[in-house]
N, C-alpha and C. Protein backbone atom coordinates (compact mmCIF):
# COMPACT_ATOMS: atom_id res chain seq x y z
N UNK A 1 12.32 -56.28 57.59
CA UNK A 1 12.10 -55.63 56.32
C UNK A 1 13.43 -55.21 55.69
N UNK A 2 14.35 -54.76 56.54
CA UNK A 2 15.66 -54.34 56.06
C UNK A 2 16.33 -55.47 55.27
N UNK A 3 16.34 -56.68 55.84
CA UNK A 3 17.01 -57.79 55.17
C UNK A 3 16.25 -58.27 53.95
N UNK A 4 14.93 -58.03 53.89
CA UNK A 4 14.18 -58.38 52.70
C UNK A 4 14.64 -57.54 51.51
N UNK A 5 14.89 -56.26 51.76
CA UNK A 5 15.31 -55.38 50.68
C UNK A 5 16.76 -55.66 50.29
N UNK A 6 17.65 -55.71 51.30
CA UNK A 6 19.07 -55.90 51.00
C UNK A 6 19.41 -57.34 50.67
N UNK A 7 18.58 -58.30 51.12
CA UNK A 7 18.81 -59.70 50.80
C UNK A 7 18.41 -60.03 49.38
N UNK A 8 17.58 -59.22 48.79
CA UNK A 8 17.15 -59.41 47.40
C UNK A 8 18.29 -58.94 46.49
N UNK A 9 18.74 -59.80 45.61
CA UNK A 9 19.89 -59.45 44.76
C UNK A 9 19.60 -58.26 43.85
N UNK A 10 18.39 -58.16 43.35
CA UNK A 10 18.05 -57.02 42.48
C UNK A 10 17.93 -55.74 43.31
N UNK A 11 17.37 -55.86 44.50
CA UNK A 11 17.28 -54.70 45.40
C UNK A 11 18.65 -54.19 45.80
N UNK A 12 19.58 -55.12 46.03
CA UNK A 12 20.95 -54.72 46.39
C UNK A 12 21.60 -53.94 45.26
N UNK A 13 21.41 -54.40 44.03
CA UNK A 13 22.00 -53.70 42.88
C UNK A 13 21.38 -52.31 42.74
N UNK A 14 20.06 -52.22 42.86
CA UNK A 14 19.39 -50.93 42.70
C UNK A 14 19.82 -49.95 43.80
N UNK A 15 19.85 -50.40 45.05
CA UNK A 15 20.25 -49.52 46.15
C UNK A 15 21.72 -49.12 46.00
N UNK A 16 22.57 -50.06 45.58
CA UNK A 16 23.98 -49.74 45.36
C UNK A 16 24.18 -48.70 44.28
N UNK A 17 23.45 -48.85 43.18
CA UNK A 17 23.54 -47.86 42.10
C UNK A 17 23.05 -46.50 42.57
N UNK A 18 21.95 -46.49 43.33
CA UNK A 18 21.45 -45.21 43.86
C UNK A 18 22.47 -44.53 44.78
N UNK A 19 23.14 -45.31 45.61
CA UNK A 19 24.18 -44.73 46.48
C UNK A 19 25.33 -44.16 45.66
N UNK A 20 25.74 -44.88 44.63
CA UNK A 20 26.84 -44.38 43.79
C UNK A 20 26.42 -43.14 43.02
N UNK A 21 25.19 -43.10 42.55
CA UNK A 21 24.70 -41.90 41.86
C UNK A 21 24.69 -40.72 42.82
N UNK A 22 24.25 -40.96 44.04
CA UNK A 22 24.22 -39.88 45.04
C UNK A 22 25.62 -39.36 45.34
N UNK A 23 26.59 -40.26 45.45
CA UNK A 23 27.96 -39.85 45.76
C UNK A 23 28.56 -39.00 44.64
N UNK A 24 28.30 -39.39 43.39
CA UNK A 24 28.93 -38.71 42.26
C UNK A 24 28.04 -37.65 41.62
N UNK A 25 26.87 -37.41 42.16
CA UNK A 25 25.93 -36.45 41.57
C UNK A 25 26.23 -35.03 42.03
N UNK A 26 25.67 -34.06 41.34
CA UNK A 26 25.83 -32.67 41.78
C UNK A 26 25.10 -32.37 43.09
N UNK A 27 24.19 -33.28 43.53
CA UNK A 27 23.49 -33.07 44.79
C UNK A 27 24.40 -33.32 45.98
N UNK A 28 25.49 -34.06 45.79
CA UNK A 28 26.43 -34.29 46.87
C UNK A 28 27.24 -33.02 47.14
N UNK A 29 28.06 -33.08 48.15
CA UNK A 29 28.82 -31.89 48.53
C UNK A 29 29.96 -31.61 47.54
N UNK A 30 30.39 -32.62 46.79
CA UNK A 30 31.46 -32.41 45.81
C UNK A 30 32.78 -32.05 46.45
N UNK A 31 33.04 -32.54 47.67
CA UNK A 31 34.29 -32.25 48.35
C UNK A 31 34.29 -30.93 49.11
N UNK A 32 33.16 -30.22 49.10
CA UNK A 32 33.06 -28.96 49.83
C UNK A 32 32.52 -29.23 51.22
N UNK A 33 32.91 -28.42 52.18
CA UNK A 33 32.37 -28.53 53.52
C UNK A 33 31.06 -27.75 53.57
N UNK A 34 29.99 -28.44 53.98
CA UNK A 34 28.68 -27.81 54.06
C UNK A 34 28.20 -27.78 55.50
N UNK A 35 27.53 -26.72 55.85
CA UNK A 35 26.91 -26.59 57.16
C UNK A 35 25.45 -26.21 56.93
N UNK A 36 24.55 -27.14 57.17
CA UNK A 36 23.14 -26.88 56.92
C UNK A 36 22.84 -26.64 55.46
N UNK A 37 23.62 -27.25 54.58
CA UNK A 37 23.41 -27.10 53.14
C UNK A 37 24.09 -25.88 52.54
N UNK A 38 24.76 -25.09 53.37
CA UNK A 38 25.44 -23.88 52.90
C UNK A 38 26.95 -24.14 52.91
N UNK A 39 27.60 -23.76 51.82
CA UNK A 39 29.05 -23.98 51.72
C UNK A 39 29.79 -23.14 52.75
N UNK A 40 30.74 -23.78 53.43
CA UNK A 40 31.54 -23.09 54.45
C UNK A 40 32.83 -22.56 53.85
N UNK A 41 33.36 -21.53 54.49
CA UNK A 41 34.69 -21.02 54.16
C UNK A 41 35.64 -21.48 55.27
N UNK A 42 36.95 -21.47 55.03
CA UNK A 42 37.90 -21.96 56.03
C UNK A 42 37.83 -21.27 57.40
N UNK A 43 37.29 -20.09 57.47
CA UNK A 43 37.21 -19.38 58.76
C UNK A 43 35.89 -19.62 59.47
N UNK A 44 34.94 -20.31 58.85
CA UNK A 44 33.61 -20.51 59.42
C UNK A 44 33.60 -21.62 60.47
N UNK A 45 32.61 -21.54 61.34
CA UNK A 45 32.31 -22.59 62.33
C UNK A 45 30.89 -23.06 62.08
N UNK A 46 30.64 -24.33 62.34
CA UNK A 46 29.31 -24.89 62.15
C UNK A 46 28.78 -25.34 63.51
N UNK A 47 27.61 -24.81 63.88
CA UNK A 47 26.98 -25.20 65.14
C UNK A 47 25.88 -26.21 64.87
N UNK A 48 25.92 -27.31 65.60
CA UNK A 48 24.91 -28.37 65.44
C UNK A 48 24.31 -28.66 66.80
N UNK A 49 22.99 -28.64 66.88
CA UNK A 49 22.31 -28.90 68.14
C UNK A 49 21.54 -30.21 68.04
N UNK A 50 21.83 -31.12 68.98
CA UNK A 50 21.15 -32.42 69.07
C UNK A 50 20.77 -32.66 70.51
N UNK A 51 19.51 -32.96 70.73
CA UNK A 51 19.00 -33.24 72.08
C UNK A 51 19.35 -32.13 73.07
N UNK A 52 19.30 -30.90 72.61
CA UNK A 52 19.57 -29.76 73.47
C UNK A 52 21.03 -29.45 73.70
N UNK A 53 21.92 -30.24 73.12
CA UNK A 53 23.37 -30.02 73.28
C UNK A 53 23.93 -29.46 71.97
N UNK A 54 24.62 -28.33 72.05
CA UNK A 54 25.19 -27.68 70.87
C UNK A 54 26.67 -28.02 70.76
N UNK A 55 27.07 -28.43 69.56
CA UNK A 55 28.46 -28.75 69.27
C UNK A 55 28.92 -27.85 68.13
N UNK A 56 30.14 -27.33 68.25
CA UNK A 56 30.70 -26.45 67.23
C UNK A 56 31.82 -27.20 66.50
N UNK A 57 31.73 -27.20 65.17
CA UNK A 57 32.72 -27.86 64.34
C UNK A 57 33.43 -26.82 63.48
N UNK A 58 34.73 -27.03 63.28
CA UNK A 58 35.49 -26.14 62.41
C UNK A 58 35.31 -26.58 60.96
N UNK A 59 35.79 -25.76 60.06
CA UNK A 59 35.73 -26.07 58.62
C UNK A 59 36.44 -27.39 58.34
N UNK A 60 37.63 -27.57 58.90
CA UNK A 60 38.41 -28.79 58.64
C UNK A 60 37.70 -30.03 59.18
N UNK A 61 37.09 -29.93 60.36
CA UNK A 61 36.37 -31.06 60.93
C UNK A 61 35.17 -31.45 60.07
N UNK A 62 34.43 -30.47 59.60
CA UNK A 62 33.28 -30.73 58.74
C UNK A 62 33.71 -31.38 57.42
N UNK A 63 34.76 -30.84 56.83
CA UNK A 63 35.23 -31.37 55.55
C UNK A 63 35.72 -32.81 55.71
N UNK A 64 36.45 -33.07 56.78
CA UNK A 64 36.96 -34.41 57.04
C UNK A 64 35.81 -35.40 57.27
N UNK A 65 34.83 -35.00 58.06
CA UNK A 65 33.69 -35.87 58.34
C UNK A 65 32.85 -36.15 57.11
N UNK A 66 32.62 -35.14 56.29
CA UNK A 66 31.83 -35.33 55.08
C UNK A 66 32.60 -36.15 54.04
N UNK A 67 33.91 -36.00 54.01
CA UNK A 67 34.71 -36.79 53.09
C UNK A 67 34.68 -38.27 53.49
N UNK A 68 34.77 -38.54 54.80
CA UNK A 68 34.73 -39.92 55.28
C UNK A 68 33.36 -40.54 54.98
N UNK A 69 32.30 -39.79 55.15
CA UNK A 69 30.96 -40.29 54.86
C UNK A 69 30.82 -40.59 53.37
N UNK A 70 31.38 -39.74 52.55
CA UNK A 70 31.31 -39.95 51.10
C UNK A 70 32.02 -41.24 50.69
N UNK A 71 33.20 -41.49 51.26
CA UNK A 71 33.92 -42.73 50.95
C UNK A 71 33.16 -43.95 51.48
N UNK A 72 32.52 -43.82 52.63
CA UNK A 72 31.75 -44.93 53.19
C UNK A 72 30.56 -45.26 52.28
N UNK A 73 29.82 -44.24 51.83
CA UNK A 73 28.70 -44.47 50.91
C UNK A 73 29.19 -45.09 49.60
N UNK A 74 30.34 -44.64 49.13
CA UNK A 74 30.90 -45.18 47.89
C UNK A 74 31.24 -46.67 48.06
N UNK A 75 31.86 -47.01 49.17
CA UNK A 75 32.25 -48.40 49.42
C UNK A 75 31.02 -49.29 49.57
N UNK A 76 30.02 -48.85 50.32
CA UNK A 76 28.81 -49.64 50.51
C UNK A 76 28.07 -49.81 49.17
N UNK A 77 27.97 -48.75 48.40
CA UNK A 77 27.32 -48.83 47.10
C UNK A 77 28.03 -49.80 46.18
N UNK A 78 29.35 -49.73 46.15
CA UNK A 78 30.13 -50.62 45.30
C UNK A 78 29.95 -52.07 45.73
N UNK A 79 29.99 -52.33 47.03
CA UNK A 79 29.83 -53.70 47.53
C UNK A 79 28.43 -54.25 47.24
N UNK A 80 27.40 -53.41 47.38
CA UNK A 80 26.04 -53.85 47.07
C UNK A 80 25.90 -54.20 45.59
N UNK A 81 26.43 -53.35 44.72
CA UNK A 81 26.35 -53.62 43.28
C UNK A 81 27.14 -54.89 42.95
N UNK A 82 28.33 -55.00 43.47
CA UNK A 82 29.17 -56.17 43.20
C UNK A 82 28.53 -57.45 43.71
N UNK A 83 28.06 -57.43 44.95
CA UNK A 83 27.44 -58.63 45.53
C UNK A 83 26.16 -59.02 44.81
N UNK A 84 25.29 -58.04 44.54
CA UNK A 84 24.04 -58.33 43.85
C UNK A 84 24.27 -58.83 42.44
N UNK A 85 25.16 -58.18 41.72
CA UNK A 85 25.45 -58.60 40.34
C UNK A 85 26.08 -59.99 40.32
N UNK A 86 26.93 -60.29 41.27
CA UNK A 86 27.56 -61.61 41.33
C UNK A 86 26.51 -62.69 41.55
N UNK A 87 25.59 -62.47 42.47
CA UNK A 87 24.56 -63.49 42.71
C UNK A 87 23.63 -63.63 41.51
N UNK A 88 23.35 -62.56 40.82
CA UNK A 88 22.51 -62.64 39.62
C UNK A 88 23.20 -63.50 38.56
N UNK A 89 24.49 -63.26 38.32
CA UNK A 89 25.24 -64.01 37.31
C UNK A 89 25.39 -65.47 37.73
N UNK A 90 25.71 -65.72 38.98
CA UNK A 90 25.91 -67.10 39.45
C UNK A 90 24.62 -67.90 39.31
N UNK A 91 23.50 -67.32 39.69
CA UNK A 91 22.22 -68.04 39.57
C UNK A 91 21.82 -68.24 38.11
N UNK A 92 22.20 -67.34 37.22
CA UNK A 92 21.87 -67.49 35.81
C UNK A 92 22.73 -68.57 35.15
N UNK A 93 23.97 -68.71 35.60
CA UNK A 93 24.89 -69.65 34.99
C UNK A 93 24.76 -71.05 35.59
N UNK A 94 24.42 -71.11 36.87
CA UNK A 94 24.35 -72.40 37.57
C UNK A 94 23.32 -73.31 36.91
N UNK A 95 23.72 -74.57 36.70
CA UNK A 95 22.82 -75.54 36.09
C UNK A 95 21.88 -76.09 37.17
N UNK A 96 20.63 -76.30 36.81
CA UNK A 96 19.71 -76.86 37.81
C UNK A 96 20.10 -78.30 38.15
N UNK A 97 19.90 -78.69 39.40
CA UNK A 97 20.22 -80.05 39.83
C UNK A 97 19.15 -81.00 39.31
N UNK A 98 19.56 -82.18 38.90
CA UNK A 98 18.56 -83.15 38.45
C UNK A 98 17.69 -83.60 39.61
N UNK A 99 16.43 -83.76 39.33
CA UNK A 99 15.49 -84.20 40.35
C UNK A 99 15.44 -85.72 40.35
N UNK A 100 15.58 -86.30 41.56
CA UNK A 100 15.55 -87.77 41.67
C UNK A 100 14.11 -88.25 41.44
N UNK A 101 13.94 -89.35 40.71
CA UNK A 101 12.60 -89.87 40.46
C UNK A 101 11.95 -90.33 41.76
N UNK A 102 10.65 -90.15 41.85
CA UNK A 102 9.91 -90.57 43.03
C UNK A 102 9.80 -92.08 43.06
N UNK A 103 9.94 -92.63 44.22
CA UNK A 103 9.89 -94.09 44.33
C UNK A 103 8.49 -94.58 44.58
């Protein structure tokens, strides 16, 4: 199912645009370090528990991780839009091949 959505050129463009909107929207962190949706200050620590194991992250670690994720989403969104739009244009411009007459 994953490849059906991403393999579709129109689906790729739509998902890419949605990712870019998410990255640049006010719903994103906007370069702020967030812990559980709450803005952190430089002296704060963020505790995250997964599978019973608690990990503590500093403000700088959270900010760095969220910044890297933001750039990754931006790159994936851009590539999806570029790839989908390119295939749409190529298929629209490409001339159909002549069909050989049946013998």
